[in-house]
Amino acid sequence: MVRKIRAKLVLQLRAEGLSGRAIAGSQAMSRKSVTQVLEAADAAGLGWDDVKDRADSEVYGLLFPGRGDHHSVFAQPDWKAIHKEMARVGVTLKLLHGEYADECAAAGDPAMSYDRFCRTYQRHVLVTGAASRVGHKAAQTIEVDWSGPTMQLHTGADKPKTVYLFVACLPFSRYAFVHPSLDMSQDSWLRAHVAMFTAFGGSTPRIVPDNLKTGVITHPRDGEIVLNDAYREMAAHYSAAVLPGRIRAPKDKASVENTVGHVATWVIAGLRDRRFTSLPTLTAAIEERVCAYNAEPFQKRPGSRTSVFTTEEKPLLSPLPQVGYEISQWAYGRRVARNGHVSWARNYYSVPFEHIGTKVDLRITDRSLEVYRGDQRVTTHLLLPETAVNEYRTNDADLPAGDRYQQWDAARIRQWAERIGASTLVVINRIFESVAIDEQGLNPALAVLRLSRRYSADRVEAACRITLAGPVRSPRYAHVQPLLATGQDQTRPARTEPVEHGGYVRGASYYAGGTR
């Protein structure tokens, strides 16, 4: 085959004084091949000095232009575009070959078979040195981890505070994100993820963390992985699934492991001579260093992390929800009391009445409290302030229907008092008339009426009659309850004079300075 003639070597040996016969004998070439090279060189006017700095293939092309070139009869696709499409989620060579065949059929060009299509693409990948890029799909995975090396914050205390670095990486573009935190608690872990999604401007279907307890409860060799509820819920909010790497298998998240090492150089070492006194200042400095790291050109591929992320990966990220994720904590196994409320932080929140006596789970955020029965959310409340104690939050929809479960107001309280007796009604009326607004009298009035649950209505009526005969103008629970507790309502003779049935009018003795 003429293609195998080492034309440059033949010209070199002739320049050293060897004849054609000697060259053929010393290099195991045919005399015919050597003759062809020498004749082609003489015809082109080329000597050793003209070709000594050229490559072998170039010298051969000068002597035998066009000889041995192979031209495919099949239409050639844009292999760069094919390779770029292969980085997208769900795209396969089978799909791309089908599209290529359709285009060839429409243009009337011959199309190569699927087998030749695959082999030609593989050759293109090897020749261009781009095989490493196909290992990760764009906008498919985010790898996250805590950095082993830490930083320090000097706040004026005797001992500087340790600052931990949360590191995230998109494997396709190698685009990195770093977030400082004063601890590695669950709240810090979740807040770092929220900041990460905001910085990326989108989310991916997969989050690959390590097996730390703030994210993964158990990761058995066989069976399902058990995730932390808050972490699973955060991932679901961003339409992502948590797929932890295998235990003691760092290659499962090799991109972020590699980025952690780069962070130690670019961030920690790069800021080693600066002294930070506040976390916001440190955060701004870290963002500046990470931005420079992402903008650094690649060594073995065109562009930088920022350019690849901006042009190829960011457009494929899933859009973020309109409302960011709220950090929450869970309280499990809280029993719903008989009054239809569940307690949290010394306050009480209503639960639908059909769940009375059951155990529910509470999800508490910075602003709200949600009640769950299994996987179902049954009610939601605005969270009472931390200073509130023994207060109730009740949704009307959580109460059963019927008059028994209506909200208490002055009219309903007076109806209850009428059923007990006329003297009781007078006591209740005087309680409401002694306050500026009716709502201020609800609790004192109910306190008096609820005595009828421990004592008979006749005894409560008698006790109210006795207090009305005394010097107190507006009797309350503190005046009625001792009479019942000591039995005075049963020992004192009943009065025969009628009592007032409505509001009372203050007499002359009141305005003359009498006792109220």
Protein backbone atom coordinates (compact mmCIF):
# COMPACT_ATOMS: atom_id res chain seq x y z
CA MET A 1 0.00 0.00 0.00
CA VAL A 2 1.33 3.42 -0.98
CA ARG A 3 -0.18 4.85 2.20
CA LYS A 4 2.48 3.03 4.25
CA ILE A 5 5.49 4.60 2.50
CA ARG A 6 7.53 6.68 4.92
CA ALA A 7 8.28 9.41 2.40
CA LYS A 8 10.04 11.77 4.82
CA LEU A 9 12.45 9.02 5.91
CA VAL A 10 13.28 8.21 2.25
CA LEU A 11 14.16 11.85 1.55
CA GLN A 12 16.28 12.01 4.71
CA LEU A 13 18.29 8.92 3.78
CA ARG A 14 18.85 10.18 0.22
CA ALA A 15 20.15 13.47 1.65
CA GLU A 16 22.63 11.42 3.70
CA GLY A 17 24.00 9.88 0.46
CA LEU A 18 22.21 6.54 0.22
CA SER A 19 21.05 5.27 -3.14
CA GLY A 20 17.54 4.07 -3.85
CA ARG A 21 18.66 0.45 -3.73
CA ALA A 22 20.42 1.01 -0.36
CA ILE A 23 17.36 2.76 1.10
CA ALA A 24 15.06 -0.09 0.08
CA GLY A 25 17.40 -2.70 1.51
CA SER A 26 18.03 -0.97 4.84
CA GLN A 27 14.37 -0.09 5.55
CA ALA A 28 12.74 -3.25 4.13
CA MET A 29 10.92 -1.24 1.49
CA SER A 30 10.21 -2.22 -2.08
CA ARG A 31 12.40 -0.55 -4.65
CA LYS A 32 9.25 0.49 -6.52
CA SER A 33 7.91 2.44 -3.51
CA VAL A 34 11.25 4.19 -2.96
CA THR A 35 11.38 5.09 -6.65
CA GLN A 36 7.88 6.57 -6.50
CA VAL A 37 8.87 8.79 -3.58
CA LEU A 38 12.06 10.00 -5.25
CA GLU A 39 10.33 10.69 -8.56
CA ALA A 40 7.47 12.56 -6.83
CA ALA A 41 9.98 14.67 -4.86
CA ASP A 42 11.96 15.55 -7.98
CA ALA A 43 8.76 16.44 -9.83
CA ALA A 44 7.62 18.71 -6.98
CA GLY A 45 11.10 20.18 -6.51
CA LEU A 46 11.23 19.13 -2.85
CA GLY A 47 14.39 18.22 -1.01
CA TRP A 48 15.21 17.29 2.56
CA ASP A 49 15.70 20.89 3.60
CA ASP A 50 12.16 21.67 2.45
CA VAL A 51 10.45 18.94 4.49
CA LYS A 52 12.61 18.33 7.55
CA ASP A 53 10.42 20.52 9.80
CA ARG A 54 7.14 19.06 8.54
CA ALA A 55 5.16 16.10 9.89
CA ASP A 56 5.28 12.73 8.11
CA SER A 57 1.65 12.94 7.05
CA GLU A 58 2.16 16.43 5.67
CA VAL A 59 5.19 15.35 3.62
CA TYR A 60 3.22 12.44 2.19
CA GLY A 61 0.38 14.78 1.26
CA LEU A 62 2.78 17.08 -0.57
CA LEU A 63 4.23 14.21 -2.63
CA PHE A 64 0.97 12.34 -3.26
CA PRO A 65 -1.89 14.86 -2.93
CA GLY A 66 -5.32 13.26 -2.52
CA ARG A 67 -3.99 9.71 -2.51
CA GLY A 68 -5.48 7.48 0.22
CA ASP A 69 -8.15 10.01 1.36
CA HIS A 70 -11.45 8.37 2.26
CA HIS A 71 -14.71 10.15 1.57
CA SER A 72 -17.86 8.70 3.04
CA VAL A 73 -20.86 8.30 0.79
CA PHE A 74 -23.17 8.97 3.75
CA ALA A 75 -24.39 12.37 4.88
CA GLN A 76 -22.44 13.54 7.92
CA PRO A 77 -24.32 15.15 10.83
CA ASP A 78 -22.92 17.99 12.93
CA TRP A 79 -21.05 15.86 15.44
CA LYS A 80 -20.43 18.82 17.76
CA ALA A 81 -24.16 19.45 17.91
CA ILE A 82 -24.79 15.71 18.45
CA HIS A 83 -22.34 15.69 21.36
CA LYS A 84 -23.98 18.76 22.90
CA GLU A 85 -27.43 17.17 22.64
CA MET A 86 -26.14 14.03 24.36
CA ALA A 87 -25.56 16.08 27.49
CA ARG A 88 -29.28 16.83 27.81
CA VAL A 89 -31.58 14.78 30.01
CA GLY A 90 -33.19 11.78 28.30
CA VAL A 91 -31.32 12.18 24.98
CA THR A 92 -29.86 8.95 23.55
CA LEU A 93 -27.94 8.03 20.39
CA LYS A 94 -30.96 6.04 19.24
CA LEU A 95 -33.13 9.16 19.38
CA LEU A 96 -30.53 11.32 17.64
CA HIS A 97 -29.99 8.71 14.89
CA GLY A 98 -33.73 8.63 14.23
CA GLU A 99 -33.80 12.43 13.86
CA TYR A 100 -30.72 12.28 11.61
CA ALA A 101 -32.33 9.60 9.40
CA ASP A 102 -35.49 11.69 9.07
CA GLU A 103 -33.46 14.73 7.97
CA CYS A 104 -31.56 12.65 5.41
CA ALA A 105 -34.81 11.22 4.02
CA ALA A 106 -36.27 14.71 3.68
CA ALA A 107 -33.14 15.96 1.86
CA GLY A 108 -32.75 12.83 -0.29
CA ASP A 109 -29.28 12.07 1.12
CA PRO A 110 -28.07 8.56 2.06
CA ALA A 111 -28.11 7.95 5.82
CA MET A 112 -25.66 5.74 7.69
CA SER A 113 -26.91 2.82 9.75
CA TYR A 114 -27.38 3.07 13.51
CA ASP A 115 -24.29 0.92 14.11
CA ARG A 116 -22.09 3.13 11.90
CA PHE A 117 -23.64 6.24 13.49
CA CYS A 118 -22.63 5.04 16.98
CA ARG A 119 -19.10 4.05 15.92
CA THR A 120 -18.51 7.35 14.13
CA TYR A 121 -19.75 9.30 17.15
CA GLN A 122 -17.45 7.35 19.48
CA ARG A 123 -14.50 8.12 17.16
CA HIS A 124 -15.44 11.81 17.25
CA VAL A 125 -15.55 11.80 21.04
CA LEU A 126 -12.15 10.14 21.33
CA VAL A 127 -10.54 12.41 18.76
CA THR A 128 -11.85 15.61 20.32
CA GLY A 129 -10.98 14.45 23.84
CA ALA A 130 -14.47 15.26 25.07
CA ALA A 131 -15.39 11.87 26.49
CA SER A 132 -15.31 13.10 30.08
CA ARG A 133 -18.19 15.53 29.48
CA VAL A 134 -20.71 12.86 28.62
CA GLY A 135 -20.44 11.30 32.09
CA HIS A 136 -22.89 13.83 33.57
CA LYS A 137 -26.15 15.14 32.20
CA ALA A 138 -26.72 18.87 32.40
CA ALA A 139 -29.10 20.12 35.12
CA GLN A 140 -29.61 16.60 36.42
CA THR A 141 -27.71 16.44 39.73
CA ILE A 142 -26.42 18.62 42.55
CA GLU A 143 -23.79 17.14 44.87
CA VAL A 144 -23.57 18.63 48.38
CA ASP A 145 -21.32 18.17 51.40
CA TRP A 146 -19.70 19.93 54.37
CA SER A 147 -16.10 20.93 53.84
CA GLY A 148 -13.62 19.25 56.17
CA PRO A 149 -11.37 22.34 56.48
CA THR A 150 -13.00 25.19 58.42
CA MET A 151 -12.50 28.93 58.93
CA GLN A 152 -12.59 31.19 61.99
CA LEU A 153 -14.63 34.22 63.01
CA HIS A 154 -13.13 36.69 65.51
CA THR A 155 -16.04 38.33 67.35
CA GLY A 156 -14.08 39.73 70.30
CA ALA A 157 -14.54 36.69 72.51
CA ASP A 158 -11.61 34.88 74.07
CA LYS A 159 -11.88 32.02 71.61
CA PRO A 160 -12.68 32.51 67.90
CA LYS A 161 -15.78 30.82 66.53
CA THR A 162 -15.47 27.98 64.06
CA VAL A 163 -17.10 28.57 60.66
CA TYR A 164 -18.17 25.53 58.65
CA LEU A 165 -18.44 25.65 54.88
CA PHE A 166 -21.32 24.08 52.97
CA VAL A 167 -20.17 23.16 49.45
CA ALA A 168 -22.37 22.33 46.43
CA CYS A 169 -21.40 21.48 42.87
CA LEU A 170 -23.18 20.88 39.56
CA PRO A 171 -21.18 17.95 38.08
CA PHE A 172 -21.80 18.84 34.43
CA SER A 173 -20.42 22.39 34.52
CA ARG A 174 -18.50 21.96 37.81
CA TYR A 175 -20.11 25.24 38.90
CA ALA A 176 -19.59 25.62 42.67
CA PHE A 177 -21.43 27.25 45.57
CA VAL A 178 -20.09 27.82 49.10
CA HIS A 179 -22.11 28.96 52.12
CA PRO A 180 -20.62 29.63 55.61
CA SER A 181 -22.40 28.55 58.81
CA LEU A 182 -21.63 28.71 62.52
CA ASP A 183 -22.76 25.11 63.08
CA MET A 184 -23.72 21.98 61.20
CA SER A 185 -27.23 21.62 62.67
CA GLN A 186 -30.26 20.59 60.67
CA ASP A 187 -31.51 24.17 60.38
CA SER A 188 -28.13 25.32 59.04
CA TRP A 189 -28.09 22.40 56.61
CA LEU A 190 -31.54 23.29 55.26
CA ARG A 191 -30.87 27.04 55.12
CA ALA A 192 -27.70 26.37 53.12
CA HIS A 193 -29.75 24.38 50.59
CA VAL A 194 -32.28 27.20 50.26
CA ALA A 195 -29.43 29.68 49.65
CA MET A 196 -27.92 27.24 47.12
CA PHE A 197 -31.09 26.94 45.05
CA THR A 198 -31.47 30.73 45.09
CA ALA A 199 -27.88 31.20 43.89
CA PHE A 200 -28.26 28.64 41.10
CA GLY A 201 -31.58 30.14 40.03
CA GLY A 202 -33.16 26.70 39.63
CA SER A 203 -33.17 23.11 40.87
CA THR A 204 -32.33 19.63 39.60
CA PRO A 205 -34.18 16.31 39.96
CA ARG A 206 -31.42 14.83 42.16
CA ILE A 207 -29.58 15.91 45.29
CA VAL A 208 -26.63 13.70 46.23
CA PRO A 209 -25.49 14.27 49.85
CA ASP A 210 -23.34 12.32 52.24
CA ASN A 211 -24.97 10.13 54.91
CA LEU A 212 -24.92 12.73 57.69
CA LYS A 213 -27.71 12.54 60.29
CA THR A 214 -29.16 15.94 59.40
CA GLY A 215 -30.19 14.44 56.08
CA VAL A 216 -30.24 10.63 56.26
CA ILE A 217 -31.49 8.60 59.25
CA THR A 218 -30.56 5.14 57.98
CA HIS A 219 -28.93 3.87 54.78
CA PRO A 220 -29.09 0.07 54.90
CA ARG A 221 -27.29 -2.19 52.46
CA ASP A 222 -30.67 -3.71 51.57
CA GLY A 223 -34.01 -1.99 51.80
CA GLU A 224 -35.18 1.60 51.54
CA ILE A 225 -33.21 4.63 52.67
CA VAL A 226 -34.88 6.53 55.53
CA LEU A 227 -34.49 10.29 55.15
CA ASN A 228 -34.93 13.02 57.72
CA ASP A 229 -38.50 14.36 57.38
CA ALA A 230 -37.46 18.00 57.16
CA TYR A 231 -34.79 17.24 54.54
CA ARG A 232 -37.17 15.15 52.43
CA GLU A 233 -39.80 17.88 52.65
CA MET A 234 -37.31 20.58 51.63
CA ALA A 235 -36.23 18.54 48.59
CA ALA A 236 -39.86 17.92 47.59
CA HIS A 237 -40.53 21.68 47.79
CA TYR A 238 -37.94 22.14 45.04
CA SER A 239 -39.18 19.08 43.05
CA ALA A 240 -36.03 17.11 43.84
CA ALA A 241 -35.27 13.66 45.23
CA VAL A 242 -32.51 12.95 47.75
CA LEU A 243 -30.27 10.08 46.58
CA PRO A 244 -27.45 9.72 49.14
CA GLY A 245 -24.14 8.29 48.05
CA ARG A 246 -23.20 4.87 49.31
CA ILE A 247 -21.54 4.66 52.71
CA ARG A 248 -17.75 4.99 52.43
CA ALA A 249 -18.03 5.49 48.65
CA PRO A 250 -16.79 9.06 47.94
CA LYS A 251 -16.73 8.35 44.19
CA ASP A 252 -20.53 8.54 44.23
CA LYS A 253 -20.11 12.32 44.64
CA ALA A 254 -16.64 12.79 43.21
CA SER A 255 -17.39 16.26 41.82
CA VAL A 256 -18.15 17.84 45.17
CA GLU A 257 -15.26 15.98 46.83
CA ASN A 258 -12.96 17.51 44.22
CA THR A 259 -14.57 20.93 44.70
CA VAL A 260 -14.03 20.72 48.47
CA GLY A 261 -10.31 20.43 47.79
CA HIS A 262 -10.42 23.44 45.47
CA VAL A 263 -12.38 25.42 48.07
CA ALA A 264 -9.58 24.81 50.57
CA THR A 265 -7.19 26.48 48.12
CA TRP A 266 -9.32 29.23 46.62
CA VAL A 267 -11.34 30.25 49.68
CA ILE A 268 -9.63 29.18 52.90
CA ALA A 269 -6.04 29.64 51.74
CA GLY A 270 -6.94 32.69 49.66
CA LEU A 271 -8.43 34.44 52.72
CA ARG A 272 -5.93 33.17 55.28
CA ASP A 273 -4.38 36.59 55.90
CA ARG A 274 -7.67 38.39 56.46
CA ARG A 275 -9.40 38.68 59.85
CA PHE A 276 -13.21 38.61 59.86
CA THR A 277 -15.35 39.89 62.73
CA SER A 278 -18.86 39.30 61.35
CA LEU A 279 -20.52 36.53 59.37
CA PRO A 280 -21.96 38.84 56.63
CA THR A 281 -18.47 40.20 55.93
CA LEU A 282 -17.07 36.68 55.69
CA THR A 283 -19.95 35.60 53.45
CA ALA A 284 -19.27 38.47 51.02
CA ALA A 285 -15.57 37.60 50.87
CA ILE A 286 -16.33 33.92 50.22
CA GLU A 287 -18.75 34.82 47.42
CA GLU A 288 -16.03 36.94 45.79
CA ARG A 289 -13.50 34.10 45.93
CA VAL A 290 -15.97 31.49 44.65
CA CYS A 291 -16.94 33.81 41.78
CA ALA A 292 -13.26 34.02 40.79
CA TYR A 293 -12.93 30.24 41.08
CA ASN A 294 -15.92 29.65 38.80
CA ALA A 295 -14.56 32.15 36.25
CA GLU A 296 -11.13 30.44 36.08
CA PRO A 297 -10.65 28.86 32.59
CA PHE A 298 -10.61 25.07 32.34
CA GLN A 299 -7.29 23.40 31.63
CA LYS A 300 -8.56 20.56 29.44
CA ARG A 301 -11.76 21.91 27.93
CA PRO A 302 -12.88 25.26 26.52
CA GLY A 303 -14.55 27.89 28.66
CA SER A 304 -14.94 28.13 32.42
CA ARG A 305 -17.37 26.87 35.04
CA THR A 306 -19.33 30.09 34.79
CA SER A 307 -19.53 30.10 31.00
CA VAL A 308 -20.61 26.45 30.76
CA PHE A 309 -23.15 26.92 33.55
CA THR A 310 -24.59 30.11 32.04
CA THR A 311 -24.84 28.94 28.43
CA GLU A 312 -25.50 25.20 28.71
CA GLU A 313 -26.77 24.21 32.15
CA LYS A 314 -28.73 27.08 33.71
CA PRO A 315 -31.36 27.18 30.92
CA LEU A 316 -32.14 23.51 31.66
CA LEU A 317 -32.60 23.88 35.44
CA SER A 318 -36.12 23.40 36.82
CA PRO A 319 -37.73 26.74 37.80
CA LEU A 320 -37.88 27.57 41.49
CA PRO A 321 -41.25 27.71 43.32
CA GLN A 322 -42.73 31.16 43.79
CA VAL A 323 -42.33 30.92 47.58
CA GLY A 324 -39.07 29.79 49.12
CA TYR A 325 -38.95 26.87 51.53
CA GLU A 326 -39.58 27.72 55.19
CA ILE A 327 -37.35 25.99 57.73
CA SER A 328 -39.46 23.91 60.09
CA GLN A 329 -39.23 21.61 63.07
CA TRP A 330 -41.42 18.64 63.90
CA ALA A 331 -43.06 17.53 67.13
CA TYR A 332 -44.41 13.99 67.02
CA GLY A 333 -47.13 12.16 68.93
CA ARG A 334 -49.03 15.12 70.46
CA ARG A 335 -52.44 13.98 71.74
CA VAL A 336 -55.52 16.07 70.93
CA ALA A 337 -57.31 17.01 74.17
CA ARG A 338 -61.03 16.63 74.77
CA ASN A 339 -61.54 20.32 74.03
CA GLY A 340 -60.26 19.72 70.51
CA HIS A 341 -56.93 21.49 70.98
CA VAL A 342 -53.31 20.40 70.97
CA SER A 343 -50.62 22.13 73.02
CA TRP A 344 -47.39 23.65 71.77
CA ALA A 345 -45.05 26.07 73.58
CA ARG A 346 -47.58 26.59 76.43
CA ASN A 347 -50.36 27.59 74.02
CA TYR A 348 -53.22 25.69 72.39
CA TYR A 349 -54.27 25.22 68.77
CA SER A 350 -57.51 23.69 67.52
CA VAL A 351 -57.71 20.41 65.62
CA PRO A 352 -60.80 19.13 63.73
CA PHE A 353 -63.09 17.54 66.33
CA GLU A 354 -63.02 14.09 64.69
CA HIS A 355 -59.37 13.76 65.76
CA ILE A 356 -60.07 14.25 69.47
CA GLY A 357 -58.18 11.65 71.50
CA THR A 358 -55.77 10.75 68.68
CA LYS A 359 -52.08 11.57 68.31
CA VAL A 360 -50.99 14.08 65.69
CA ASP A 361 -47.69 15.51 64.45
CA LEU A 362 -46.91 19.22 64.45
CA ARG A 363 -44.84 21.06 61.85
CA ILE A 364 -43.70 24.44 63.18
CA THR A 365 -42.20 27.15 60.97
CA ASP A 366 -41.21 30.72 61.80
CA ARG A 367 -44.78 31.87 61.12
CA SER A 368 -47.20 28.96 61.24
CA LEU A 369 -48.12 25.70 62.94
CA GLU A 370 -49.47 22.81 60.85
CA VAL A 371 -51.17 19.72 62.27
CA TYR A 372 -50.69 16.38 60.47
CA ARG A 373 -52.45 13.05 60.95
CA GLY A 374 -50.15 10.64 59.18
CA ASP A 375 -49.32 12.21 55.81
CA GLN A 376 -52.45 14.38 55.76
CA ARG A 377 -52.42 17.99 56.92
CA VAL A 378 -55.64 18.56 58.86
CA THR A 379 -55.36 22.24 59.90
CA THR A 380 -53.06 25.27 59.94
CA HIS A 381 -52.68 28.16 62.39
CA LEU A 382 -50.66 31.34 62.58
CA LEU A 383 -48.08 30.82 65.31
CA LEU A 384 -48.68 32.73 68.54
CA PRO A 385 -45.78 34.97 69.65
CA GLU A 386 -43.17 33.55 72.01
CA THR A 387 -44.41 35.81 74.81
CA ALA A 388 -47.94 34.33 74.68
CA VAL A 389 -48.87 31.85 77.42
CA ASN A 390 -52.09 29.79 77.79
CA GLU A 391 -53.69 31.39 74.74
CA TYR A 392 -55.96 29.59 72.26
CA ARG A 393 -56.06 29.67 68.48
CA THR A 394 -59.32 28.14 67.26
CA ASN A 395 -60.56 27.72 63.69
CA ASP A 396 -64.35 27.71 63.40
CA ALA A 397 -64.13 24.90 60.85
CA ASP A 398 -62.47 22.66 63.45
CA LEU A 399 -65.55 22.75 65.73
CA PRO A 400 -68.63 20.53 65.28
CA ALA A 401 -71.86 22.05 64.01
CA GLY A 402 -74.67 22.93 66.44
CA ASP A 403 -75.54 25.53 69.07
CA ARG A 404 -73.41 23.77 71.67
CA TYR A 405 -70.25 24.67 69.76
CA GLN A 406 -71.04 28.30 68.91
CA GLN A 407 -68.61 31.02 69.90
CA TRP A 408 -69.37 32.60 73.27
CA ASP A 409 -70.81 36.13 73.25
CA ALA A 410 -72.84 38.25 75.69
CA ALA A 411 -76.21 37.13 74.31
CA ARG A 412 -75.39 33.43 74.59
CA ILE A 413 -74.03 33.89 78.12
CA ARG A 414 -77.24 35.68 79.22
CA GLN A 415 -79.32 32.81 77.81
CA TRP A 416 -77.34 30.39 79.98
CA ALA A 417 -77.83 32.64 83.02
CA GLU A 418 -81.61 32.79 82.46
CA ARG A 419 -81.78 29.01 82.57
CA ILE A 420 -80.14 29.03 86.01
CA GLY A 421 -82.23 31.79 87.61
CA ALA A 422 -83.11 35.46 87.87
CA SER A 423 -80.41 36.31 90.45
CA THR A 424 -77.76 34.69 88.32
CA LEU A 425 -78.89 36.79 85.35
CA VAL A 426 -78.56 39.96 87.45
CA VAL A 427 -74.99 38.99 88.44
CA ILE A 428 -74.09 38.41 84.79
CA ASN A 429 -75.68 41.70 83.71
CA ARG A 430 -73.73 43.61 86.32
CA ILE A 431 -70.49 41.99 85.20
CA PHE A 432 -71.04 43.17 81.61
CA GLU A 433 -72.11 46.64 82.72
CA SER A 434 -68.94 47.05 84.76
CA VAL A 435 -66.61 46.63 81.75
CA ALA A 436 -65.90 48.90 78.82
CA ILE A 437 -66.60 46.27 76.13
CA ASP A 438 -68.50 42.97 76.28
CA GLU A 439 -65.41 40.92 75.41
CA GLN A 440 -63.79 41.93 78.70
CA GLY A 441 -66.70 40.38 80.60
CA LEU A 442 -66.82 37.04 78.78
CA ASN A 443 -64.30 35.24 80.97
CA PRO A 444 -65.61 36.53 84.36
CA ALA A 445 -69.20 35.72 83.38
CA LEU A 446 -68.34 32.21 82.19
CA ALA A 447 -66.40 31.58 85.39
CA VAL A 448 -69.61 32.19 87.39
CA LEU A 449 -71.82 30.12 85.09
CA ARG A 450 -69.42 27.15 85.03
CA LEU A 451 -70.03 26.74 88.76
CA SER A 452 -73.28 25.05 87.71
CA ARG A 453 -71.16 22.14 86.44
CA ARG A 454 -69.98 21.36 89.99
CA TYR A 455 -73.03 22.53 91.90
CA SER A 456 -76.73 22.40 91.13
CA ALA A 457 -78.43 25.30 89.42
CA ASP A 458 -80.51 25.96 92.56
CA ARG A 459 -77.37 26.31 94.70
CA VAL A 460 -75.73 28.67 92.21
CA GLU A 461 -78.91 30.73 92.07
CA ALA A 462 -79.03 30.87 95.89
CA ALA A 463 -75.37 31.92 96.10
CA CYS A 464 -75.94 34.69 93.56
CA ARG A 465 -78.98 35.87 95.55
CA ILE A 466 -76.85 36.10 98.71
CA THR A 467 -74.05 38.06 96.99
CA LEU A 468 -76.56 40.52 95.57
CA ALA A 469 -77.74 41.24 99.10
CA GLY A 470 -74.21 42.14 100.15
CA PRO A 471 -72.21 45.37 99.72
CA VAL A 472 -70.54 44.33 96.41
CA ARG A 473 -72.28 45.96 93.47
CA SER A 474 -70.79 43.63 90.80
CA PRO A 475 -70.29 40.15 92.26
CA ARG A 476 -67.92 37.79 90.48
CA TYR A 477 -66.54 34.28 90.80
CA ALA A 478 -64.44 35.25 93.83
CA HIS A 479 -67.62 36.22 95.69
CA VAL A 480 -69.91 33.38 94.61
CA GLN A 481 -67.57 30.37 94.77
CA PRO A 482 -66.70 30.62 98.53
CA LEU A 483 -70.39 30.56 99.42
CA LEU A 484 -70.85 27.32 97.53
CA ALA A 485 -67.63 25.77 98.79
CA THR A 486 -68.58 26.41 102.44
CA GLY A 487 -72.29 25.56 102.00
CA GLN A 488 -73.51 29.00 103.11
CA ASP A 489 -76.03 29.01 100.30
CA GLN A 490 -77.76 26.10 102.10
CA THR A 491 -77.69 27.58 105.64
CA ARG A 492 -78.77 31.16 105.02
CA PRO A 493 -82.54 31.81 104.77
CA ALA A 494 -83.82 32.69 101.35
CA ARG A 495 -84.92 36.26 100.72
CA THR A 496 -88.49 36.86 99.69
CA GLU A 497 -88.10 40.27 98.04
CA PRO A 498 -87.92 40.11 94.29
CA VAL A 499 -84.68 40.72 92.47
CA GLU A 500 -84.18 42.89 89.43
CA HIS A 501 -84.42 41.18 86.07
CA GLY A 502 -82.56 43.60 83.82
CA GLY A 503 -79.96 46.28 84.05
CA TYR A 504 -79.70 48.20 87.26
CA VAL A 505 -79.69 51.94 87.93
CA ARG A 506 -77.19 53.33 90.40
CA GLY A 507 -79.09 54.98 93.26
CA ALA A 508 -78.44 58.16 95.22
CA SER A 509 -76.38 56.27 97.81
CA TYR A 510 -73.86 55.30 95.08
CA TYR A 511 -73.27 58.88 93.99
CA ALA A 512 -73.18 60.02 97.63
CA GLY A 513 -70.03 57.97 98.15
CA GLY A 514 -71.53 54.61 99.06
CA THR A 515 -69.63 51.36 98.64
CA ARG A 516 -69.66 49.89 95.16
